């Protein structure tokens, strides 16, 4: 069960970081308000980095 949570944390952090980058690029290019998409993308990437940090802390503990 522990491996499941490690895999889930690692995968969700990657998805948030990659999704945030895609949101910034595609949302900023196709929208009238690219600033809002940039904020949403940066927030998603920050959450992904926090989850990745949690994953490393749990893995190394």
Protein backbone atom coordinates (compact mmCIF):
# COMPACT_ATOMS: atom_id res chain seq x y z
CA UNK A 1 0.00 0.00 0.00
CA UNK A 2 2.91 2.32 0.71
CA UNK A 3 4.18 1.99 -2.86
CA UNK A 4 0.74 3.01 -4.13
CA UNK A 5 0.87 6.31 -2.22
CA UNK A 6 4.43 6.97 -3.34
CA UNK A 7 3.42 6.40 -6.96
CA UNK A 8 0.29 8.53 -6.55
CA UNK A 9 2.25 11.45 -5.08
CA UNK A 10 4.92 11.26 -7.76
CA UNK A 11 2.40 11.03 -10.60
CA UNK A 12 0.15 13.81 -9.30
CA UNK A 13 3.09 16.16 -8.82
CA UNK A 14 4.23 15.54 -12.40
CA UNK A 15 0.72 16.06 -13.74
CA UNK A 16 0.33 19.35 -11.87
CA UNK A 17 3.68 20.71 -13.06
CA UNK A 18 3.18 19.65 -16.68
CA UNK A 19 -0.46 20.76 -16.63
CA UNK A 20 0.56 24.14 -15.27
CA UNK A 21 3.10 24.60 -18.05
CA UNK A 22 0.53 23.63 -20.68
CA UNK A 23 -2.01 26.00 -19.12
CA UNK A 24 0.45 28.89 -19.31
CA UNK A 25 1.41 28.23 -22.93
CA UNK A 26 -1.94 27.32 -24.48
CA UNK A 27 -4.15 29.48 -22.27
CA UNK A 28 -1.94 32.49 -22.70
CA UNK A 29 -1.87 32.12 -26.48
CA UNK A 30 -5.61 31.56 -26.96
CA UNK A 31 -7.11 33.96 -24.43
CA UNK A 32 -7.89 37.63 -24.08
CA UNK A 33 -6.55 37.58 -20.51
CA UNK A 34 -3.29 35.61 -20.54
CA UNK A 35 -2.38 36.94 -17.09
CA UNK A 36 -5.12 34.87 -15.44
CA UNK A 37 -3.97 31.74 -17.23
CA UNK A 38 -0.40 32.47 -16.16
CA UNK A 39 -1.52 32.76 -12.54
CA UNK A 40 -3.50 29.53 -12.75
CA UNK A 41 -0.58 27.73 -14.37
CA UNK A 42 1.93 29.01 -11.83
CA UNK A 43 -0.38 28.00 -8.98
CA UNK A 44 -0.68 24.52 -10.41
CA UNK A 45 3.07 24.24 -10.83
CA UNK A 46 3.65 25.46 -7.27
CA UNK A 47 1.26 22.83 -5.92
CA UNK A 48 3.05 20.19 -7.97
CA UNK A 49 6.41 21.24 -6.53
CA UNK A 50 4.99 21.07 -3.00
CA UNK A 51 3.68 17.55 -3.65
CA UNK A 52 7.03 16.52 -5.11
CA UNK A 53 8.77 17.83 -1.99
CA UNK A 54 6.36 15.83 0.18
CA UNK A 55 7.08 12.74 -1.91
CA UNK A 56 10.83 13.09 -1.46
CA UNK A 57 10.45 13.70 2.29
CA UNK A 58 8.25 10.62 2.70
CA UNK A 59 10.46 8.48 0.49
CA UNK A 60 13.66 9.40 2.34
CA UNK A 61 12.13 9.05 5.80
